[in-house]
PDB file of N, CA and C in Angstrom:
ATOM      1  N   MET A   1      -9.525  16.649 -15.336  1.00  0.00           N
ATOM      2  CA  MET A   1      -9.931  16.540 -13.936  1.00  0.00           C
ATOM      3  C   MET A   1      -9.379  17.694 -13.197  1.00  0.00           C
ATOM      4  N   GLU A   2     -10.219  18.369 -12.390  1.00  0.00           N
ATOM      5  CA  GLU A   2      -9.832  19.427 -11.629  1.00  0.00           C
ATOM      6  C   GLU A   2      -9.240  18.912 -10.222  1.00  0.00           C
ATOM      7  N   ALA A   3      -8.231  19.596  -9.796  1.00  0.00           N
ATOM      8  CA  ALA A   3      -7.581  19.282  -8.514  1.00  0.00           C
ATOM      9  C   ALA A   3      -8.449  19.483  -7.460  1.00  0.00           C
ATOM     10  N   SER A   4      -9.426  20.273  -7.540  1.00  0.00           N
ATOM     11  CA  SER A   4     -10.373  20.525  -6.336  1.00  0.00           C
ATOM     12  C   SER A   4     -11.262  19.299  -6.254  1.00  0.00           C
ATOM     13  N   LEU A   5     -11.398  18.277  -7.212  1.00  0.00           N
ATOM     14  CA  LEU A   5     -12.249  17.218  -6.921  1.00  0.00           C
ATOM     15  C   LEU A   5     -11.510  16.039  -6.244  1.00  0.00           C
ATOM     16  N   TRP A   6     -10.116  16.197  -6.028  1.00  0.00           N
ATOM     17  CA  TRP A   6      -9.460  15.189  -5.256  1.00  0.00           C
ATOM     18  C   TRP A   6      -9.565  15.165  -3.864  1.00  0.00           C
ATOM     19  N   ASP A   7      -9.901  14.006  -3.196  1.00  0.00           N
ATOM     20  CA  ASP A   7      -9.950  13.986  -1.734  1.00  0.00           C
ATOM     21  C   ASP A   7      -8.740  13.360  -1.239  1.00  0.00           C
ATOM     22  N   ASN A   8      -7.794  14.199  -0.567  1.00  0.00           N
ATOM     23  CA  ASN A   8      -6.500  13.790  -0.174  1.00  0.00           C
ATOM     24  C   ASN A   8      -6.759  12.801   1.005  1.00  0.00           C
ATOM     25  N   THR A   9      -7.741  12.794   1.804  1.00  0.00           N
ATOM     26  CA  THR A   9      -7.768  11.859   2.990  1.00  0.00           C
ATOM     27  C   THR A   9      -8.201  10.446   2.497  1.00  0.00           C
ATOM     28  N   LYS A  10      -8.951  10.243   1.269  1.00  0.00           N
ATOM     29  CA  LYS A  10      -9.379   9.009   0.835  1.00  0.00           C
ATOM     30  C   LYS A  10      -8.554   8.628  -0.309  1.00  0.00           C
ATOM     31  N   ASP A  11      -7.862   9.507  -0.936  1.00  0.00           N
ATOM     32  CA  ASP A  11      -7.012   9.219  -2.134  1.00  0.00           C
ATOM     33  C   ASP A  11      -8.002   8.855  -3.204  1.00  0.00           C
ATOM     34  N   ARG A  12      -8.949   9.464  -3.234  1.00  0.00           N
ATOM     35  CA  ARG A  12     -10.020   9.269  -4.339  1.00  0.00           C
ATOM     36  C   ARG A  12     -10.552  10.484  -4.967  1.00  0.00           C
ATOM     37  N   VAL A  13     -11.205  10.392  -6.071  1.00  0.00           N
ATOM     38  CA  VAL A  13     -12.083  11.566  -6.677  1.00  0.00           C
ATOM     39  C   VAL A  13     -13.375  11.788  -6.030  1.00  0.00           C
ATOM     40  N   LYS A  14     -13.699  12.920  -5.740  1.00  0.00           N
ATOM     41  CA  LYS A  14     -14.987  13.319  -4.991  1.00  0.00           C
ATOM     42  C   LYS A  14     -16.069  13.205  -6.016  1.00  0.00           C
ATOM     43  N   GLY A  15     -17.334  12.987  -5.646  1.00  0.00           N
ATOM     44  CA  GLY A  15     -18.394  13.002  -6.478  1.00  0.00           C
ATOM     45  C   GLY A  15     -18.829  11.621  -7.059  1.00  0.00           C
ATOM     46  N   SER A  16     -20.070  11.633  -7.574  1.00  0.00           N
ATOM     47  CA  SER A  16     -20.548  10.357  -8.065  1.00  0.00           C
ATOM     48  C   SER A  16     -20.868  10.323  -9.544  1.00  0.00           C
ATOM     49  N   PHE A  17     -20.262  11.214 -10.216  1.00  0.00           N
ATOM     50  CA  PHE A  17     -20.347  11.345 -11.663  1.00  0.00           C
ATOM     51  C   PHE A  17     -19.797  10.093 -12.267  1.00  0.00           C
ATOM     52  N   PRO A  18     -20.319   9.607 -13.419  1.00  0.00           N
ATOM     53  CA  PRO A  18     -19.813   8.254 -13.951  1.00  0.00           C
ATOM     54  C   PRO A  18     -18.401   8.347 -14.280  1.00  0.00           C
ATOM     55  N   GLU A  19     -17.767   9.441 -14.816  1.00  0.00           N
ATOM     56  CA  GLU A  19     -16.365   9.466 -14.943  1.00  0.00           C
ATOM     57  C   GLU A  19     -15.523   9.339 -13.724  1.00  0.00           C
ATOM     58  N   ASN A  20     -15.981   9.969 -12.537  1.00  0.00           N
ATOM     59  CA  ASN A  20     -15.381   9.885 -11.238  1.00  0.00           C
ATOM     60  C   ASN A  20     -15.519   8.496 -10.795  1.00  0.00           C
ATOM     61  N   ARG A  21     -16.564   7.826 -10.954  1.00  0.00           N
ATOM     62  CA  ARG A  21     -16.642   6.359 -10.476  1.00  0.00           C
ATOM     63  C   ARG A  21     -15.742   5.461 -11.201  1.00  0.00           C
ATOM     64  N   ARG A  22     -15.571   5.741 -12.564  1.00  0.00           N
ATOM     65  CA  ARG A  22     -14.723   4.857 -13.339  1.00  0.00           C
ATOM     66  C   ARG A  22     -13.310   5.089 -12.933  1.00  0.00           C
ATOM     67  N   LEU A  23     -12.891   6.351 -12.679  1.00  0.00           N
ATOM     68  CA  LEU A  23     -11.517   6.635 -12.233  1.00  0.00           C
ATOM     69  C   LEU A  23     -11.293   6.001 -10.865  1.00  0.00           C
ATOM     70  N   ASN A  24     -12.159   6.113 -10.013  1.00  0.00           N
ATOM     71  CA  ASN A  24     -12.139   5.465  -8.566  1.00  0.00           C
ATOM     72  C   ASN A  24     -12.033   3.907  -8.828  1.00  0.00           C
ATOM     73  N   ALA A  25     -12.710   3.338  -9.737  1.00  0.00           N
ATOM     74  CA  ALA A  25     -12.801   1.861 -10.000  1.00  0.00           C
ATOM     75  C   ALA A  25     -11.367   1.468 -10.432  1.00  0.00           C
ATOM     76  N   TYR A  26     -10.804   2.324 -11.414  1.00  0.00           N
ATOM     77  CA  TYR A  26      -9.577   1.975 -11.944  1.00  0.00           C
ATOM     78  C   TYR A  26      -8.446   2.042 -10.819  1.00  0.00           C
ATOM     79  N   LEU A  27      -8.414   3.136 -10.000  1.00  0.00           N
ATOM     80  CA  LEU A  27      -7.532   3.214  -8.922  1.00  0.00           C
ATOM     81  C   LEU A  27      -7.730   1.944  -8.071  1.00  0.00           C
ATOM     82  N   ASP A  28      -8.841   1.463  -7.726  1.00  0.00           N
ATOM     83  CA  ASP A  28      -8.996   0.296  -6.953  1.00  0.00           C
ATOM     84  C   ASP A  28      -8.342  -0.982  -7.657  1.00  0.00           C
ATOM     85  N   GLU A  29      -8.553  -0.995  -8.897  1.00  0.00           N
ATOM     86  CA  GLU A  29      -8.075  -2.191  -9.639  1.00  0.00           C
ATOM     87  C   GLU A  29      -6.560  -2.259  -9.620  1.00  0.00           C
ATOM     88  N   VAL A  30      -5.877  -0.987  -9.906  1.00  0.00           N
ATOM     89  CA  VAL A  30      -4.447  -0.998  -9.866  1.00  0.00           C
ATOM     90  C   VAL A  30      -3.867  -1.154  -8.470  1.00  0.00           C
ATOM     91  N   TYR A  31      -4.554  -0.692  -7.472  1.00  0.00           N
ATOM     92  CA  TYR A  31      -4.203  -0.910  -6.055  1.00  0.00           C
ATOM     93  C   TYR A  31      -4.179  -2.599  -5.785  1.00  0.00           C
ATOM     94  N   GLY A  32      -5.333  -3.156  -6.329  1.00  0.00           N
ATOM     95  CA  GLY A  32      -5.411  -4.561  -6.141  1.00  0.00           C
ATOM     96  C   GLY A  32      -4.271  -5.362  -6.761  1.00  0.00           C
ATOM     97  N   GLN A  33      -3.945  -4.878  -7.978  1.00  0.00           N
ATOM     98  CA  GLN A  33      -2.800  -5.412  -8.794  1.00  0.00           C
ATOM     99  C   GLN A  33      -1.457  -5.211  -8.106  1.00  0.00           C
ATOM    100  N   LEU A  34      -1.189  -4.060  -7.550  1.00  0.00           N
ATOM    101  CA  LEU A  34      -0.033  -3.813  -6.768  1.00  0.00           C
ATOM    102  C   LEU A  34       0.051  -4.641  -5.563  1.00  0.00           C
ATOM    103  N   PHE A  35      -1.007  -4.898  -4.762  1.00  0.00           N
ATOM    104  CA  PHE A  35      -1.062  -5.702  -3.694  1.00  0.00           C
ATOM    105  C   PHE A  35      -0.687  -7.032  -4.115  1.00  0.00           C
ATOM    106  N   ASP A  36      -1.300  -7.633  -5.178  1.00  0.00           N
ATOM    107  CA  ASP A  36      -1.111  -9.009  -5.630  1.00  0.00           C
ATOM    108  C   ASP A  36       0.414  -9.107  -5.939  1.00  0.00           C
ATOM    109  N   CYS A  37       1.016  -8.189  -6.581  1.00  0.00           N
ATOM    110  CA  CYS A  37       2.545  -8.202  -6.805  1.00  0.00           C
ATOM    111  C   CYS A  37       3.344  -8.353  -5.600  1.00  0.00           C
ATOM    112  N   HIS A  38       2.828  -7.533  -4.529  1.00  0.00           N
ATOM    113  CA  HIS A  38       3.481  -7.683  -3.226  1.00  0.00           C
ATOM    114  C   HIS A  38       3.389  -9.039  -2.650  1.00  0.00           C
ATOM    115  N   LYS A  39       2.246  -9.544  -2.613  1.00  0.00           N
ATOM    116  CA  LYS A  39       1.994 -10.915  -2.124  1.00  0.00           C
ATOM    117  C   LYS A  39       2.858 -11.951  -3.008  1.00  0.00           C
ATOM    118  N   GLN A  40       2.980 -11.837  -4.193  1.00  0.00           N
ATOM    119  CA  GLN A  40       3.817 -12.733  -5.113  1.00  0.00           C
ATOM    120  C   GLN A  40       5.178 -12.662  -4.563  1.00  0.00           C
ATOM    121  N   LEU A  41       5.819 -11.457  -4.441  1.00  0.00           N
ATOM    122  CA  LEU A  41       7.091 -11.408  -4.033  1.00  0.00           C
ATOM    123  C   LEU A  41       7.325 -11.987  -2.715  1.00  0.00           C
ATOM    124  N   LEU A  42       6.428 -11.728  -1.725  1.00  0.00           N
ATOM    125  CA  LEU A  42       6.454 -12.313  -0.440  1.00  0.00           C
ATOM    126  C   LEU A  42       6.499 -13.824  -0.517  1.00  0.00           C
ATOM    127  N   SER A  43       5.706 -14.485  -1.503  1.00  0.00           N
ATOM    128  CA  SER A  43       5.691 -15.882  -1.387  1.00  0.00           C
ATOM    129  C   SER A  43       6.885 -16.394  -2.055  1.00  0.00           C
ATOM    130  N   GLU A  44       7.476 -15.658  -2.826  1.00  0.00           N
ATOM    131  CA  GLU A  44       8.976 -16.063  -3.550  1.00  0.00           C
ATOM    132  C   GLU A  44      10.053 -15.749  -2.641  1.00  0.00           C
ATOM    133  N   LEU A  45       9.890 -15.136  -1.391  1.00  0.00           N
ATOM    134  CA  LEU A  45      10.914 -14.846  -0.484  1.00  0.00           C
ATOM    135  C   LEU A  45      11.783 -13.781  -1.086  1.00  0.00           C
ATOM    136  N   LYS A  46      11.316 -12.948  -1.945  1.00  0.00           N
ATOM    137  CA  LYS A  46      12.075 -11.926  -2.477  1.00  0.00           C
ATOM    138  C   LYS A  46      12.194 -10.649  -1.627  1.00  0.00           C
ATOM    139  N   VAL A  47      13.149  -9.803  -1.845  1.00  0.00           N
ATOM    140  CA  VAL A  47      13.194  -8.570  -1.068  1.00  0.00           C
ATOM    141  C   VAL A  47      12.097  -7.611  -1.613  1.00  0.00           C
ATOM    142  N   ILE A  48      11.413  -7.035  -0.688  1.00  0.00           N
ATOM    143  CA  ILE A  48      10.309  -6.211  -0.952  1.00  0.00           C
ATOM    144  C   ILE A  48      10.744  -4.676  -0.881  1.00  0.00           C
ATOM    145  N   THR A  49      10.624  -4.129  -2.167  1.00  0.00           N
ATOM    146  CA  THR A  49      10.995  -2.710  -2.315  1.00  0.00           C
ATOM    147  C   THR A  49       9.999  -2.115  -3.188  1.00  0.00           C
ATOM    148  N   PRO A  50       9.748  -0.793  -3.196  1.00  0.00           N
ATOM    149  CA  PRO A  50       8.955  -0.139  -4.093  1.00  0.00           C
ATOM    150  C   PRO A  50       9.336  -0.493  -5.581  1.00  0.00           C
ATOM    151  N   ASP A  51      10.753  -0.467  -5.822  1.00  0.00           N
ATOM    152  CA  ASP A  51      11.152  -0.777  -7.182  1.00  0.00           C
ATOM    153  C   ASP A  51      10.696  -2.165  -7.593  1.00  0.00           C
ATOM    154  N   ALA A  52      10.901  -3.167  -6.645  1.00  0.00           N
ATOM    155  CA  ALA A  52      10.647  -4.605  -6.910  1.00  0.00           C
ATOM    156  C   ALA A  52       9.154  -4.686  -7.233  1.00  0.00           C
ATOM    157  N   ILE A  53       8.323  -4.103  -6.482  1.00  0.00           N
ATOM    158  CA  ILE A  53       6.821  -4.105  -6.834  1.00  0.00           C
ATOM    159  C   ILE A  53       6.490  -3.592  -8.195  1.00  0.00           C
ATOM    160  N   LYS A  54       7.204  -2.357  -8.474  1.00  0.00           N
ATOM    161  CA  LYS A  54       6.903  -1.623  -9.674  1.00  0.00           C
ATOM    162  C   LYS A  54       7.360  -2.654 -10.881  1.00  0.00           C
ATOM    163  N   LYS A  55       8.461  -3.105 -10.660  1.00  0.00           N
ATOM    164  CA  LYS A  55       9.017  -4.127 -11.949  1.00  0.00           C
ATOM    165  C   LYS A  55       8.088  -5.228 -12.017  1.00  0.00           C
ATOM    166  N   ARG A  56       7.571  -5.795 -10.958  1.00  0.00           N
ATOM    167  CA  ARG A  56       6.747  -6.948 -10.923  1.00  0.00           C
ATOM    168  C   ARG A  56       5.367  -6.591 -11.704  1.00  0.00           C
ATOM    169  N   PHE A  57       4.924  -5.290 -11.302  1.00  0.00           N
ATOM    170  CA  PHE A  57       3.688  -4.746 -11.938  1.00  0.00           C
ATOM    171  C   PHE A  57       3.867  -4.611 -13.366  1.00  0.00           C
ATOM    172  N   LEU A  58       4.956  -4.022 -13.815  1.00  0.00           N
ATOM    173  CA  LEU A  58       5.169  -3.676 -15.230  1.00  0.00           C
ATOM    174  C   LEU A  58       5.680  -4.945 -15.938  1.00  0.00           C
ATOM    175  N   GLY A  59       6.085  -6.014 -15.310  1.00  0.00           N
ATOM    176  CA  GLY A  59       6.545  -7.230 -15.986  1.00  0.00           C
ATOM    177  C   GLY A  59       7.958  -7.113 -16.364  1.00  0.00           C
ATOM    178  N   GLU A  60       8.672  -6.265 -15.670  1.00  0.00           N
ATOM    179  CA  GLU A  60      10.117  -6.103 -15.969  1.00  0.00           C
ATOM    180  C   GLU A  60      10.978  -6.855 -15.028  1.00  0.00           C
ATOM    181  N   ASP A  61      10.493  -7.701 -14.109  1.00  0.00           N
ATOM    182  CA  ASP A  61      11.353  -8.349 -13.207  1.00  0.00           C
ATOM    183  C   ASP A  61      11.861  -9.703 -13.684  1.00  0.00           C
ATOM    184  N   GLU A  62      11.254 -10.213 -14.638  1.00  0.00           N
ATOM    185  CA  GLU A  62      11.645 -11.584 -15.032  1.00  0.00           C
ATOM    186  C   GLU A  62      12.852 -11.547 -15.965  1.00  0.00           C
ATOM    187  N   GLN A  63      13.745 -12.665 -15.682  1.00  0.00           N
ATOM    188  CA  GLN A  63      14.849 -12.696 -16.509  1.00  0.00           C
ATOM    189  C   GLN A  63      14.595 -13.472 -17.843  1.00  0.00           C
ATOM    190  N   HIS A  64      14.731 -12.889 -18.916  1.00  0.00           N
ATOM    191  CA  HIS A  64      14.491 -13.669 -20.099  1.00  0.00           C
ATOM    192  C   HIS A  64      15.833 -14.113 -20.732  1.00  0.00           C
ATOM    193  N   LYS A  65      15.797 -15.368 -21.161  1.00  0.00           N
ATOM    194  CA  LYS A  65      17.006 -15.937 -21.648  1.00  0.00           C
ATOM    195  C   LYS A  65      16.741 -15.977 -23.314  1.00  0.00           C
ATOM    196  N   THR A  66      17.920 -15.943 -23.899  1.00  0.00           N
ATOM    197  CA  THR A  66      17.919 -15.966 -25.393  1.00  0.00           C
ATOM    198  C   THR A  66      17.823 -17.446 -25.767  1.00  0.00           C
ATOM    199  N   LEU A  67      17.588 -17.746 -26.990  1.00  0.00           N
ATOM    200  CA  LEU A  67      17.527 -19.112 -27.409  1.00  0.00           C
ATOM    201  C   LEU A  67      18.950 -19.711 -27.347  1.00  0.00           C
ATOM    202  N   MET A  68      19.940 -18.986 -27.573  1.00  0.00           N
ATOM    203  CA  MET A  68      21.227 -19.536 -27.515  1.00  0.00           C
ATOM    204  C   MET A  68      21.669 -19.829 -26.015  1.00  0.00           C
ATOM    205  N   GLN A  69      21.187 -19.011 -25.052  1.00  0.00           N
ATOM    206  CA  GLN A  69      21.550 -19.284 -23.711  1.00  0.00           C
ATOM    207  C   GLN A  69      20.699 -20.639 -23.201  1.00  0.00           C
ATOM    208  N   LEU A  70      19.583 -20.808 -23.680  1.00  0.00           N
ATOM    209  CA  LEU A  70      18.841 -22.060 -23.403  1.00  0.00           C
ATOM    210  C   LEU A  70      19.484 -23.260 -24.048  1.00  0.00           C
ATOM    211  N   VAL A  71      19.946 -23.294 -25.200  1.00  0.00           N
ATOM    212  CA  VAL A  71      20.583 -24.273 -25.861  1.00  0.00           C
ATOM    213  C   VAL A  71      21.805 -24.710 -25.107  1.00  0.00           C
ATOM    214  N   THR A  72      22.618 -23.695 -24.682  1.00  0.00           N
ATOM    215  CA  THR A  72      23.784 -23.922 -24.082  1.00  0.00           C
ATOM    216  C   THR A  72      23.452 -24.500 -22.629  1.00  0.00           C
ATOM    217  N   PHE A  73      22.513 -24.035 -21.927  1.00  0.00           N
ATOM    218  CA  PHE A  73      22.211 -24.504 -20.667  1.00  0.00           C
ATOM    219  C   PHE A  73      21.696 -25.995 -20.721  1.00  0.00           C
ATOM    220  N   HIS A  74      21.055 -26.459 -21.746  1.00  0.00           N
ATOM    221  CA  HIS A  74      20.572 -27.750 -21.761  1.00  0.00           C
ATOM    222  C   HIS A  74      21.575 -28.733 -22.357  1.00  0.00           C
ATOM    223  N   GLN A  75      22.660 -28.239 -22.926  1.00  0.00           N
ATOM    224  CA  GLN A  75      23.762 -29.099 -23.420  1.00  0.00           C
ATOM    225  C   GLN A  75      24.608 -29.555 -22.333  1.00  0.00           C
ATOM    226  N   VAL A  76      24.649 -28.968 -21.290  1.00  0.00           N
ATOM    227  CA  VAL A  76      25.567 -29.192 -20.184  1.00  0.00           C
ATOM    228  C   VAL A  76      25.129 -30.421 -19.408  1.00  0.00           C
TER     229      VAL A  76
END
């Protein structure tokens, strides 16, 4: 993709070629997913930061427990 095809004001690829439309559709999809991550964090009353949104988007914000941690937790 050539840099001259990028529209800085719209943050989209210029033109109506099929590959340009696919890229713009992908950008719209990712934007929507990021917005959903922001809404989820808001509803959970979490601190909203770019890093928090990125981690939620990538699925890295969840605390995973080991089997031993779960057994210990439920024994108490």
